[in-house]
Amino acid sequence: MYGGTDFFFNHVLPVYGIRAVAVEAGDGFADRVRALKLLHARVVYVETPANPTISMTDIAAVTALKGELGGTAAADRAAVAPGETIVVVDNTFLGALWRNALACRAGVSLYSATKFIGGHSDLIAGAAAGREDLLAHIKTFRTILGTMAEPFTAWLMLRSLETLKIRMEAQAANAGRLAQFLAGHPAVGRVLYPGLLAPGSAPYALFARQCSGAGSLIAFEVGDGRDKEAALRVLNRLRLAHLAVSLGGTETLVEHPAAMTHADVSDEVKKRSGSSPGLIRVSCGVERCEDLIEDFRQALDPEGCEARSVTKQ
């Protein structure tokens, strides 16, 4: 889960008497929630694909829990009821093009509009979609807290929506080719990307059910994933990709989750989730893919690239 979300759940909500219970994402998530036997769960918050490990969680299986969490699931009601359990999905990584969380019966689908919707790394905004009665509550809090976008940000988003589809398609095409390259590089131990899931496997079946594309986020480990310094050396050698914590822009961005987006997440949680010290997250942009692959090649294998350069001369 995104580091800022983790901080909000663990350090902000407790101030208001709200307790968050962490459940590991991925295959079996709904069963793990059920095993907790929660009596008054008001919200089940799911981030899928997870940040930064790209693991997939079955949204429909969560909404199927129905009354087991202290109330009837939001997707099965026409209005908010006392004790109702609402399924909220952070749909930033694949929305709004590659997955419709509401079609998977989520009550509310959230987006960081800063990312793909904005798409040019020049605005900060958020968006929520869902049932009218649930959005009415959100709008009330937005009015009281003042968390609405000002006119210029709204104008920038309207500008960006015109190219949303073609940008996300170009980014996903680059991600598919870059993921294939990384999977075949000897310096890379593990590549996490939905487009590399093995056909016939349970994760692939889930991906096929709820997604129409693999998106443009990749995570990969340098070596066995235990060497933080090795990952930092790769990041420092990249020339075309930019070192930054955001995603979804037209430029390719790379970051080190353990030291950047997830720096405040406990070491125990990072270990349990598979977010290793040697993990790098990549948000592919719209650059010429051959240039992008060559950039990662020289960062992963600088000596080999120098030798090839001398030979060409």
C-alpha atoms as a PDB file:
ATOM      1  CA  MET A   1       0.000   0.000   0.000  1.00  0.00           C
ATOM      2  CA  TYR A   2       1.125   3.536  -0.778  1.00  0.00           C
ATOM      3  CA  GLY A   3       3.249   4.975   2.021  1.00  0.00           C
ATOM      4  CA  GLY A   4       1.063   8.065   2.442  1.00  0.00           C
ATOM      5  CA  THR A   5      -2.026   5.870   2.863  1.00  0.00           C
ATOM      6  CA  ASP A   6      -0.207   3.702   5.395  1.00  0.00           C
ATOM      7  CA  PHE A   7       0.743   6.838   7.370  1.00  0.00           C
ATOM      8  CA  PHE A   8      -2.860   8.116   7.264  1.00  0.00           C
ATOM      9  CA  PHE A   9      -4.248   4.837   8.590  1.00  0.00           C
ATOM     10  CA  ASN A  10      -1.626   4.328  11.295  1.00  0.00           C
ATOM     11  CA  HIS A  11      -0.955   7.877  12.505  1.00  0.00           C
ATOM     12  CA  VAL A  12      -3.895  10.119  11.566  1.00  0.00           C
ATOM     13  CA  LEU A  13      -7.039   7.995  11.947  1.00  0.00           C
ATOM     14  CA  PRO A  14      -6.190   6.788  15.497  1.00  0.00           C
ATOM     15  CA  VAL A  15      -6.379  10.415  16.670  1.00  0.00           C
ATOM     16  CA  TYR A  16     -10.098  10.260  15.798  1.00  0.00           C
ATOM     17  CA  GLY A  17     -10.666   6.891  17.440  1.00  0.00           C
ATOM     18  CA  ILE A  18     -10.637   4.959  14.161  1.00  0.00           C
ATOM     19  CA  ARG A  19      -8.681   1.718  14.103  1.00  0.00           C
ATOM     20  CA  ALA A  20      -7.226   0.270  10.921  1.00  0.00           C
ATOM     21  CA  VAL A  21      -6.396  -3.438  10.704  1.00  0.00           C
ATOM     22  CA  ALA A  22      -3.736  -4.381   8.143  1.00  0.00           C
ATOM     23  CA  VAL A  23      -4.403  -7.401   5.936  1.00  0.00           C
ATOM     24  CA  GLU A  24      -1.938  -8.705   3.381  1.00  0.00           C
ATOM     25  CA  ALA A  25      -2.988  -8.002  -0.199  1.00  0.00           C
ATOM     26  CA  GLY A  26      -3.035 -10.479  -3.050  1.00  0.00           C
ATOM     27  CA  ASP A  27      -4.447 -13.971  -3.429  1.00  0.00           C
ATOM     28  CA  GLY A  28      -6.609 -14.967  -0.449  1.00  0.00           C
ATOM     29  CA  PHE A  29      -7.197 -11.395   0.776  1.00  0.00           C
ATOM     30  CA  ALA A  30     -10.944 -11.913   1.313  1.00  0.00           C
ATOM     31  CA  ASP A  31     -10.320 -15.121   3.272  1.00  0.00           C
ATOM     32  CA  ARG A  32      -7.825 -13.324   5.524  1.00  0.00           C
ATOM     33  CA  VAL A  33     -10.361 -10.553   6.153  1.00  0.00           C
ATOM     34  CA  ARG A  34     -13.041 -13.144   6.948  1.00  0.00           C
ATOM     35  CA  ALA A  35     -10.722 -14.933   9.396  1.00  0.00           C
ATOM     36  CA  LEU A  36     -10.397 -11.752  11.475  1.00  0.00           C
ATOM     37  CA  LYS A  37     -14.109 -12.044  12.423  1.00  0.00           C
ATOM     38  CA  LEU A  38     -14.522  -8.266  12.567  1.00  0.00           C
ATOM     39  CA  LEU A  39     -17.887  -7.241  13.982  1.00  0.00           C
ATOM     40  CA  HIS A  40     -18.030  -3.559  13.096  1.00  0.00           C
ATOM     41  CA  ALA A  41     -15.864  -3.008  10.034  1.00  0.00           C
ATOM     42  CA  ARG A  42     -17.123   0.135   8.311  1.00  0.00           C
ATOM     43  CA  VAL A  43     -14.679   0.223   5.397  1.00  0.00           C
ATOM     44  CA  VAL A  44     -12.581  -2.346   3.570  1.00  0.00           C
ATOM     45  CA  TYR A  45      -9.901  -0.369   1.749  1.00  0.00           C
ATOM     46  CA  VAL A  46      -8.169  -2.163  -1.110  1.00  0.00           C
ATOM     47  CA  GLU A  47      -5.277  -0.938  -3.223  1.00  0.00           C
ATOM     48  CA  THR A  48      -4.876  -3.059  -6.333  1.00  0.00           C
ATOM     49  CA  PRO A  49      -2.429  -3.413  -7.933  1.00  0.00           C
ATOM     50  CA  ALA A  50      -0.556  -2.794  -4.707  1.00  0.00           C
ATOM     51  CA  ASN A  51       2.104  -0.109  -4.462  1.00  0.00           C
ATOM     52  CA  PRO A  52       4.927  -0.946  -5.019  1.00  0.00           C
ATOM     53  CA  THR A  53       4.735  -4.744  -5.395  1.00  0.00           C
ATOM     54  CA  ILE A  54       2.014  -4.668  -8.121  1.00  0.00           C
ATOM     55  CA  SER A  55       0.193  -7.611  -6.462  1.00  0.00           C
ATOM     56  CA  MET A  56      -3.462  -8.043  -7.501  1.00  0.00           C
ATOM     57  CA  THR A  57      -6.414  -8.380  -5.108  1.00  0.00           C
ATOM     58  CA  ASP A  58      -9.837  -9.736  -6.061  1.00  0.00           C
ATOM     59  CA  ILE A  59     -12.287  -6.849  -5.559  1.00  0.00           C
ATOM     60  CA  ALA A  60     -15.368  -8.954  -6.276  1.00  0.00           C
ATOM     61  CA  ALA A  61     -14.345 -11.480  -3.601  1.00  0.00           C
ATOM     62  CA  VAL A  62     -14.147  -8.662  -1.052  1.00  0.00           C
ATOM     63  CA  THR A  63     -17.591  -7.283  -1.911  1.00  0.00           C
ATOM     64  CA  ALA A  64     -18.975 -10.839  -1.710  1.00  0.00           C
ATOM     65  CA  LEU A  65     -18.240 -10.877   2.045  1.00  0.00           C
ATOM     66  CA  LYS A  66     -21.621  -9.080   2.435  1.00  0.00           C
ATOM     67  CA  GLY A  67     -22.824  -9.114   6.031  1.00  0.00           C
ATOM     68  CA  GLU A  68     -19.825 -10.926   7.507  1.00  0.00           C
ATOM     69  CA  LEU A  69     -18.120  -7.632   8.431  1.00  0.00           C
ATOM     70  CA  GLY A  70     -20.867  -6.118  10.550  1.00  0.00           C
ATOM     71  CA  GLY A  71     -23.110  -4.918   7.759  1.00  0.00           C
ATOM     72  CA  THR A  72     -24.269  -5.517   4.196  1.00  0.00           C
ATOM     73  CA  ALA A  73     -21.716  -4.658   1.527  1.00  0.00           C
ATOM     74  CA  ALA A  74     -22.252  -1.220  -0.007  1.00  0.00           C
ATOM     75  CA  ALA A  75     -22.595  -2.599  -3.524  1.00  0.00           C
ATOM     76  CA  ASP A  76     -25.799  -4.399  -2.546  1.00  0.00           C
ATOM     77  CA  ARG A  77     -27.610  -1.407  -1.071  1.00  0.00           C
ATOM     78  CA  ALA A  78     -29.397   1.563  -2.572  1.00  0.00           C
ATOM     79  CA  ALA A  79     -28.538   3.907   0.302  1.00  0.00           C
ATOM     80  CA  VAL A  80     -26.101   4.141   3.196  1.00  0.00           C
ATOM     81  CA  ALA A  81     -27.344   2.135   6.168  1.00  0.00           C
ATOM     82  CA  PRO A  82     -26.201   2.103   9.805  1.00  0.00           C
ATOM     83  CA  GLY A  83     -23.388  -0.404  10.168  1.00  0.00           C
ATOM     84  CA  GLU A  84     -22.925  -0.741   6.426  1.00  0.00           C
ATOM     85  CA  THR A  85     -19.513  -1.988   5.259  1.00  0.00           C
ATOM     86  CA  ILE A  86     -18.231   0.038   2.323  1.00  0.00           C
ATOM     87  CA  VAL A  87     -15.619  -1.333  -0.087  1.00  0.00           C
ATOM     88  CA  VAL A  88     -13.259   1.429  -1.227  1.00  0.00           C
ATOM     89  CA  VAL A  89     -10.702   0.771  -3.967  1.00  0.00           C
ATOM     90  CA  ASP A  90      -7.651   2.855  -4.794  1.00  0.00           C
ATOM     91  CA  ASN A  91      -7.820   2.487  -8.573  1.00  0.00           C
ATOM     92  CA  THR A  92      -4.931   4.840  -9.401  1.00  0.00           C
ATOM     93  CA  PHE A  93      -2.553   2.325 -11.013  1.00  0.00           C
ATOM     94  CA  LEU A  94      -4.982   0.978 -13.644  1.00  0.00           C
ATOM     95  CA  GLY A  95      -7.748   3.582 -13.774  1.00  0.00           C
ATOM     96  CA  ALA A  96      -9.424   5.001 -15.552  1.00  0.00           C
ATOM     97  CA  LEU A  97      -8.647   2.952 -18.656  1.00  0.00           C
ATOM     98  CA  TRP A  98      -7.533  -0.538 -17.674  1.00  0.00           C
ATOM     99  CA  ARG A  99      -9.919  -1.406 -14.814  1.00  0.00           C
ATOM    100  CA  ASN A 100     -13.371  -0.286 -13.711  1.00  0.00           C
ATOM    101  CA  ALA A 101     -13.505  -0.876  -9.964  1.00  0.00           C
ATOM    102  CA  LEU A 102     -17.213  -0.036  -9.823  1.00  0.00           C
ATOM    103  CA  ALA A 103     -17.929  -2.819 -12.316  1.00  0.00           C
ATOM    104  CA  CYS A 104     -16.265  -5.113  -9.758  1.00  0.00           C
ATOM    105  CA  ARG A 105     -18.960  -3.891  -7.293  1.00  0.00           C
ATOM    106  CA  ALA A 106     -16.782  -1.529  -5.248  1.00  0.00           C
ATOM    107  CA  GLY A 107     -18.720   1.161  -3.386  1.00  0.00           C
ATOM    108  CA  VAL A 108     -16.197   3.934  -4.095  1.00  0.00           C
ATOM    109  CA  SER A 109     -13.352   4.081  -6.602  1.00  0.00           C
ATOM    110  CA  LEU A 110     -10.551   6.528  -5.761  1.00  0.00           C
ATOM    111  CA  TYR A 111      -7.938   8.061  -8.045  1.00  0.00           C
ATOM    112  CA  SER A 112      -4.946  10.233  -7.504  1.00  0.00           C
ATOM    113  CA  ALA A 113      -5.796  12.564 -10.392  1.00  0.00           C
ATOM    114  CA  THR A 114      -2.256  13.900 -10.070  1.00  0.00           C
ATOM    115  CA  LYS A 115      -1.146  10.784 -11.930  1.00  0.00           C
ATOM    116  CA  PHE A 116      -2.661   9.552 -15.226  1.00  0.00           C
ATOM    117  CA  ILE A 117      -5.638  11.921 -15.280  1.00  0.00           C
ATOM    118  CA  GLY A 118      -3.338  14.939 -14.948  1.00  0.00           C
ATOM    119  CA  GLY A 119      -0.629  13.112 -16.840  1.00  0.00           C
ATOM    120  CA  HIS A 120       1.935  15.911 -17.130  1.00  0.00           C
ATOM    121  CA  SER A 121       3.320  16.183 -13.567  1.00  0.00           C
ATOM    122  CA  ASP A 122       1.943  19.710 -13.213  1.00  0.00           C
ATOM    123  CA  LEU A 123      -1.046  19.409 -10.869  1.00  0.00           C
ATOM    124  CA  ILE A 124      -2.203  17.878  -7.574  1.00  0.00           C
ATOM    125  CA  ALA A 125      -5.761  16.590  -7.380  1.00  0.00           C
ATOM    126  CA  GLY A 126      -7.905  13.607  -6.429  1.00  0.00           C
ATOM    127  CA  ALA A 127     -11.111  12.054  -7.690  1.00  0.00           C
ATOM    128  CA  ALA A 128     -13.796   9.754  -6.325  1.00  0.00           C
ATOM    129  CA  ALA A 129     -16.460   7.853  -8.253  1.00  0.00           C
ATOM    130  CA  GLY A 130     -19.243   5.692  -6.872  1.00  0.00           C
ATOM    131  CA  ARG A 131     -22.783   5.530  -5.570  1.00  0.00           C
ATOM    132  CA  GLU A 132     -24.580   8.856  -5.418  1.00  0.00           C
ATOM    133  CA  ASP A 133     -25.359   8.602  -1.698  1.00  0.00           C
ATOM    134  CA  LEU A 134     -21.739   7.797  -0.813  1.00  0.00           C
ATOM    135  CA  LEU A 135     -20.449  10.654  -2.934  1.00  0.00           C
ATOM    136  CA  ALA A 136     -22.870  13.007  -1.176  1.00  0.00           C
ATOM    137  CA  HIS A 137     -21.022  12.318   2.095  1.00  0.00           C
ATOM    138  CA  ILE A 138     -17.664  12.855   0.380  1.00  0.00           C
ATOM    139  CA  LYS A 139     -18.837  16.147  -1.118  1.00  0.00           C
ATOM    140  CA  THR A 140     -19.931  17.350   2.328  1.00  0.00           C
ATOM    141  CA  PHE A 141     -16.487  16.692   3.789  1.00  0.00           C
ATOM    142  CA  ARG A 142     -14.873  18.291   0.735  1.00  0.00           C
ATOM    143  CA  THR A 143     -16.899  21.443   1.346  1.00  0.00           C
ATOM    144  CA  ILE A 144     -16.076  21.596   5.055  1.00  0.00           C
ATOM    145  CA  LEU A 145     -12.383  20.707   4.705  1.00  0.00           C
ATOM    146  CA  GLY A 146     -11.809  22.695   1.535  1.00  0.00           C
ATOM    147  CA  THR A 147     -10.164  19.918  -0.461  1.00  0.00           C
ATOM    148  CA  MET A 148     -11.499  20.901  -3.874  1.00  0.00           C
ATOM    149  CA  ALA A 149      -9.383  21.812  -6.886  1.00  0.00           C
ATOM    150  CA  GLU A 150      -9.166  25.458  -7.898  1.00  0.00           C
ATOM    151  CA  PRO A 151     -10.245  26.481 -11.444  1.00  0.00           C
ATOM    152  CA  PHE A 152      -6.772  26.356 -13.017  1.00  0.00           C
ATOM    153  CA  THR A 153      -6.195  22.770 -11.825  1.00  0.00           C
ATOM    154  CA  ALA A 154      -9.639  21.804 -13.140  1.00  0.00           C
ATOM    155  CA  TRP A 155      -8.749  23.363 -16.502  1.00  0.00           C
ATOM    156  CA  LEU A 156      -5.471  21.418 -16.619  1.00  0.00           C
ATOM    157  CA  MET A 157      -7.343  18.170 -15.971  1.00  0.00           C
ATOM    158  CA  LEU A 158      -9.840  18.938 -18.749  1.00  0.00           C
ATOM    159  CA  ARG A 159      -6.890  19.531 -21.068  1.00  0.00           C
ATOM    160  CA  SER A 160      -5.341  16.201 -20.054  1.00  0.00           C
ATOM    161  CA  LEU A 161      -8.525  14.155 -20.433  1.00  0.00           C
ATOM    162  CA  GLU A 162      -8.361  14.724 -24.193  1.00  0.00           C
ATOM    163  CA  THR A 163      -5.194  12.594 -24.387  1.00  0.00           C
ATOM    164  CA  LEU A 164      -5.803  10.194 -21.477  1.00  0.00           C
ATOM    165  CA  LYS A 165      -6.471   7.135 -23.622  1.00  0.00           C
ATOM    166  CA  ILE A 166      -3.609   7.572 -26.083  1.00  0.00           C
ATOM    167  CA  ARG A 167      -1.153   8.403 -23.289  1.00  0.00           C
ATOM    168  CA  MET A 168      -2.069   5.352 -21.221  1.00  0.00           C
ATOM    169  CA  GLU A 169      -1.922   3.083 -24.270  1.00  0.00           C
ATOM    170  CA  ALA A 170       1.536   4.368 -25.219  1.00  0.00           C
ATOM    171  CA  GLN A 171       2.780   4.050 -21.628  1.00  0.00           C
ATOM    172  CA  ALA A 172       1.458   0.488 -21.333  1.00  0.00           C
ATOM    173  CA  ALA A 173       3.090  -0.502 -24.630  1.00  0.00           C
ATOM    174  CA  ASN A 174       6.441   0.801 -23.368  1.00  0.00           C
ATOM    175  CA  ALA A 175       5.968  -0.975 -20.034  1.00  0.00           C
ATOM    176  CA  GLY A 176       5.302  -4.314 -21.721  1.00  0.00           C
ATOM    177  CA  ARG A 177       8.510  -4.126 -23.760  1.00  0.00           C
ATOM    178  CA  LEU A 178      10.616  -2.807 -20.867  1.00  0.00           C
ATOM    179  CA  ALA A 179       9.308  -5.534 -18.540  1.00  0.00           C
ATOM    180  CA  GLN A 180      10.295  -8.194 -21.076  1.00  0.00           C
ATOM    181  CA  PHE A 181      13.784  -6.689 -21.311  1.00  0.00           C
ATOM    182  CA  LEU A 182      14.202  -6.535 -17.539  1.00  0.00           C
ATOM    183  CA  ALA A 183      12.978 -10.122 -17.140  1.00  0.00           C
ATOM    184  CA  GLY A 184      15.781 -11.279 -19.434  1.00  0.00           C
ATOM    185  CA  HIS A 185      18.592  -9.223 -17.895  1.00  0.00           C
ATOM    186  CA  PRO A 186      21.075 -11.169 -15.707  1.00  0.00           C
ATOM    187  CA  ALA A 187      21.355  -8.338 -13.160  1.00  0.00           C
ATOM    188  CA  VAL A 188      17.611  -8.454 -12.450  1.00  0.00           C
ATOM    189  CA  GLY A 189      16.330 -11.079 -10.051  1.00  0.00           C
ATOM    190  CA  ARG A 190      12.578 -10.538 -10.177  1.00  0.00           C
ATOM    191  CA  VAL A 191      10.172  -8.463 -12.294  1.00  0.00           C
ATOM    192  CA  LEU A 192       6.679  -7.645 -11.022  1.00  0.00           C
ATOM    193  CA  TYR A 193       4.295  -6.665 -13.817  1.00  0.00           C
ATOM    194  CA  PRO A 194       0.769  -7.945 -14.589  1.00  0.00           C
ATOM    195  CA  GLY A 195       1.677  -8.439 -18.245  1.00  0.00           C
ATOM    196  CA  LEU A 196       4.208 -11.119 -17.251  1.00  0.00           C
ATOM    197  CA  LEU A 197       1.771 -13.275 -15.293  1.00  0.00           C
ATOM    198  CA  ALA A 198       1.797 -16.893 -16.438  1.00  0.00           C
ATOM    199  CA  PRO A 199      -1.362 -17.900 -18.385  1.00  0.00           C
ATOM    200  CA  GLY A 200      -3.259 -20.530 -16.462  1.00  0.00           C
ATOM    201  CA  SER A 201      -2.070 -19.316 -13.059  1.00  0.00           C
ATOM    202  CA  ALA A 202      -4.480 -18.005 -10.403  1.00  0.00           C
ATOM    203  CA  PRO A 203      -3.032 -14.445 -10.516  1.00  0.00           C
ATOM    204  CA  TYR A 204      -3.424 -14.406 -14.305  1.00  0.00           C
ATOM    205  CA  ALA A 205      -7.034 -15.571 -14.052  1.00  0.00           C
ATOM    206  CA  LEU A 206      -7.779 -12.745 -11.600  1.00  0.00           C
ATOM    207  CA  PHE A 207      -6.044 -10.224 -13.852  1.00  0.00           C
ATOM    208  CA  ALA A 208      -8.068 -11.408 -16.861  1.00  0.00           C
ATOM    209  CA  ARG A 209     -11.355 -11.144 -14.908  1.00  0.00           C
ATOM    210  CA  GLN A 210     -11.015  -7.612 -13.641  1.00  0.00           C
ATOM    211  CA  CYS A 211      -8.547  -5.820 -15.937  1.00  0.00           C
ATOM    212  CA  SER A 212      -8.445  -4.931 -19.616  1.00  0.00           C
ATOM    213  CA  GLY A 213      -4.757  -4.005 -19.665  1.00  0.00           C
ATOM    214  CA  ALA A 214      -1.561  -4.381 -17.654  1.00  0.00           C
ATOM    215  CA  GLY A 215      -0.861  -0.684 -17.174  1.00  0.00           C
ATOM    216  CA  SER A 216       2.508   1.039 -17.072  1.00  0.00           C
ATOM    217  CA  LEU A 217       3.860   0.371 -13.552  1.00  0.00           C
ATOM    218  CA  ILE A 218       6.724  -2.089 -13.150  1.00  0.00           C
ATOM    219  CA  ALA A 219       8.669  -3.124 -10.070  1.00  0.00           C
ATOM    220  CA  PHE A 220      11.904  -5.089 -10.269  1.00  0.00           C
ATOM    221  CA  GLU A 221      14.633  -6.248  -7.934  1.00  0.00           C
ATOM    222  CA  VAL A 222      18.313  -5.736  -8.569  1.00  0.00           C
ATOM    223  CA  GLY A 223      19.977  -9.091  -7.897  1.00  0.00           C
ATOM    224  CA  ASP A 224      18.334 -10.965  -5.052  1.00  0.00           C
ATOM    225  CA  GLY A 225      16.662  -7.805  -3.771  1.00  0.00           C
ATOM    226  CA  ARG A 226      18.668  -7.585  -0.563  1.00  0.00           C
ATOM    227  CA  ASP A 227      21.255  -5.032  -1.661  1.00  0.00           C
ATOM    228  CA  LYS A 228      19.942  -1.489  -1.249  1.00  0.00           C
ATOM    229  CA  GLU A 229      23.182   0.075  -2.478  1.00  0.00           C
ATOM    230  CA  ALA A 230      23.060  -1.921  -5.721  1.00  0.00           C
ATOM    231  CA  ALA A 231      19.578  -0.558  -6.418  1.00  0.00           C
ATOM    232  CA  LEU A 232      20.702   3.000  -5.664  1.00  0.00           C
ATOM    233  CA  ARG A 233      23.646   2.645  -8.037  1.00  0.00           C
ATOM    234  CA  VAL A 234      21.268   1.647 -10.846  1.00  0.00           C
ATOM    235  CA  LEU A 235      19.000   4.600 -10.092  1.00  0.00           C
ATOM    236  CA  ASN A 236      21.927   7.014 -10.088  1.00  0.00           C
ATOM    237  CA  ARG A 237      23.157   5.770 -13.478  1.00  0.00           C
ATOM    238  CA  LEU A 238      19.844   6.263 -15.303  1.00  0.00           C
ATOM    239  CA  ARG A 239      19.939   9.214 -17.698  1.00  0.00           C
ATOM    240  CA  LEU A 240      16.602   9.298 -19.508  1.00  0.00           C
ATOM    241  CA  ALA A 241      14.361   8.138 -16.657  1.00  0.00           C
ATOM    242  CA  HIS A 242      13.852  10.729 -13.906  1.00  0.00           C
ATOM    243  CA  LEU A 243      14.264   9.972 -10.192  1.00  0.00           C
ATOM    244  CA  ALA A 244      10.927  11.059  -8.690  1.00  0.00           C
ATOM    245  CA  VAL A 245       8.151   9.617  -6.513  1.00  0.00           C
ATOM    246  CA  SER A 246       5.127  10.266  -8.729  1.00  0.00           C
ATOM    247  CA  LEU A 247       3.758   8.180 -11.600  1.00  0.00           C
ATOM    248  CA  GLY A 248       1.490   8.361 -14.640  1.00  0.00           C
ATOM    249  CA  GLY A 249       3.233  11.285 -16.350  1.00  0.00           C
ATOM    250  CA  THR A 250       4.502  11.447 -19.907  1.00  0.00           C
ATOM    251  CA  GLU A 251       8.071  11.054 -18.654  1.00  0.00           C
ATOM    252  CA  THR A 252       9.428   7.796 -17.236  1.00  0.00           C
ATOM    253  CA  LEU A 253       9.924   8.044 -13.476  1.00  0.00           C
ATOM    254  CA  VAL A 254      11.879   5.701 -11.219  1.00  0.00           C
ATOM    255  CA  GLU A 255      12.073   5.545  -7.457  1.00  0.00           C
ATOM    256  CA  HIS A 256      13.357   3.475  -4.545  1.00  0.00           C
ATOM    257  CA  PRO A 257      10.240   2.660  -2.462  1.00  0.00           C
ATOM    258  CA  ALA A 258      12.115   1.683   0.708  1.00  0.00           C
ATOM    259  CA  ALA A 259      13.831   5.075   0.857  1.00  0.00           C
ATOM    260  CA  MET A 260      11.201   7.265  -0.805  1.00  0.00           C
ATOM    261  CA  THR A 261       7.444   6.575  -1.104  1.00  0.00           C
ATOM    262  CA  HIS A 262       7.458   3.932   1.646  1.00  0.00           C
ATOM    263  CA  ALA A 263      10.165   5.340   3.925  1.00  0.00           C
ATOM    264  CA  ASP A 264       7.695   5.685   6.839  1.00  0.00           C
ATOM    265  CA  VAL A 265       6.330   2.138   6.460  1.00  0.00           C
ATOM    266  CA  SER A 266       7.695  -0.207   9.120  1.00  0.00           C
ATOM    267  CA  ASP A 267      10.439  -2.647   8.142  1.00  0.00           C
ATOM    268  CA  GLU A 268       8.205  -5.518   9.262  1.00  0.00           C
ATOM    269  CA  VAL A 269       5.401  -4.510   6.896  1.00  0.00           C
ATOM    270  CA  LYS A 270       7.811  -3.954   4.016  1.00  0.00           C
ATOM    271  CA  LYS A 271       9.273  -7.407   4.583  1.00  0.00           C
ATOM    272  CA  ARG A 272       5.848  -9.076   4.791  1.00  0.00           C
ATOM    273  CA  SER A 273       4.655  -7.370   1.619  1.00  0.00           C
ATOM    274  CA  GLY A 274       7.736  -8.273  -0.405  1.00  0.00           C
ATOM    275  CA  SER A 275       8.965  -4.684  -0.758  1.00  0.00           C
ATOM    276  CA  SER A 276      12.670  -5.462  -0.552  1.00  0.00           C
ATOM    277  CA  PRO A 277      15.633  -3.060  -0.132  1.00  0.00           C
ATOM    278  CA  GLY A 278      16.665  -3.776  -3.712  1.00  0.00           C
ATOM    279  CA  LEU A 279      13.253  -3.051  -5.247  1.00  0.00           C
ATOM    280  CA  ILE A 280      12.895  -0.306  -7.869  1.00  0.00           C
ATOM    281  CA  ARG A 281       9.545   1.010  -9.118  1.00  0.00           C
ATOM    282  CA  VAL A 282       9.191   2.299 -12.665  1.00  0.00           C
ATOM    283  CA  SER A 283       6.380   4.398 -14.136  1.00  0.00           C
ATOM    284  CA  CYS A 284       6.818   4.242 -17.904  1.00  0.00           C
ATOM    285  CA  GLY A 285       6.311   7.375 -19.966  1.00  0.00           C
ATOM    286  CA  VAL A 286       5.837   7.908 -23.677  1.00  0.00           C
ATOM    287  CA  GLU A 287       9.476   8.123 -24.765  1.00  0.00           C
ATOM    288  CA  ARG A 288      10.829   6.116 -27.696  1.00  0.00           C
ATOM    289  CA  CYS A 289      10.939   2.625 -26.211  1.00  0.00           C
ATOM    290  CA  GLU A 290      14.338   1.740 -27.713  1.00  0.00           C
ATOM    291  CA  ASP A 291      15.843   4.745 -25.911  1.00  0.00           C
ATOM    292  CA  LEU A 292      14.172   3.705 -22.666  1.00  0.00           C
ATOM    293  CA  ILE A 293      15.473   0.129 -22.883  1.00  0.00           C
ATOM    294  CA  GLU A 294      18.978   1.336 -23.706  1.00  0.00           C
ATOM    295  CA  ASP A 295      18.891   3.624 -20.658  1.00  0.00           C
ATOM    296  CA  PHE A 296      18.094   0.715 -18.350  1.00  0.00           C
ATOM    297  CA  ARG A 297      20.658  -1.460 -20.140  1.00  0.00           C
ATOM    298  CA  GLN A 298      23.492   0.974 -19.485  1.00  0.00           C
ATOM    299  CA  ALA A 299      22.353   1.501 -15.876  1.00  0.00           C
ATOM    300  CA  LEU A 300      22.257  -2.232 -15.151  1.00  0.00           C
ATOM    301  CA  ASP A 301      25.403  -3.091 -17.101  1.00  0.00           C
ATOM    302  CA  PRO A 302      27.588   0.040 -17.372  1.00  0.00           C
ATOM    303  CA  GLU A 303      30.825  -1.827 -18.091  1.00  0.00           C
ATOM    304  CA  GLY A 304      29.258  -3.837 -20.907  1.00  0.00           C
ATOM    305  CA  CYS A 305      27.788  -0.687 -22.461  1.00  0.00           C
ATOM    306  CA  GLU A 306      31.157   1.071 -22.331  1.00  0.00           C
ATOM    307  CA  ALA A 307      32.819  -1.904 -24.021  1.00  0.00           C
ATOM    308  CA  ARG A 308      30.233  -1.898 -26.802  1.00  0.00           C
ATOM    309  CA  SER A 309      30.723   1.842 -27.258  1.00  0.00           C
ATOM    310  CA  VAL A 310      34.515   1.455 -27.620  1.00  0.00           C
ATOM    311  CA  THR A 311      34.034  -1.375 -30.117  1.00  0.00           C
ATOM    312  CA  LYS A 312      31.741   0.779 -32.260  1.00  0.00           C
ATOM    313  CA  GLN A 313      34.323   3.572 -32.343  1.00  0.00           C
END
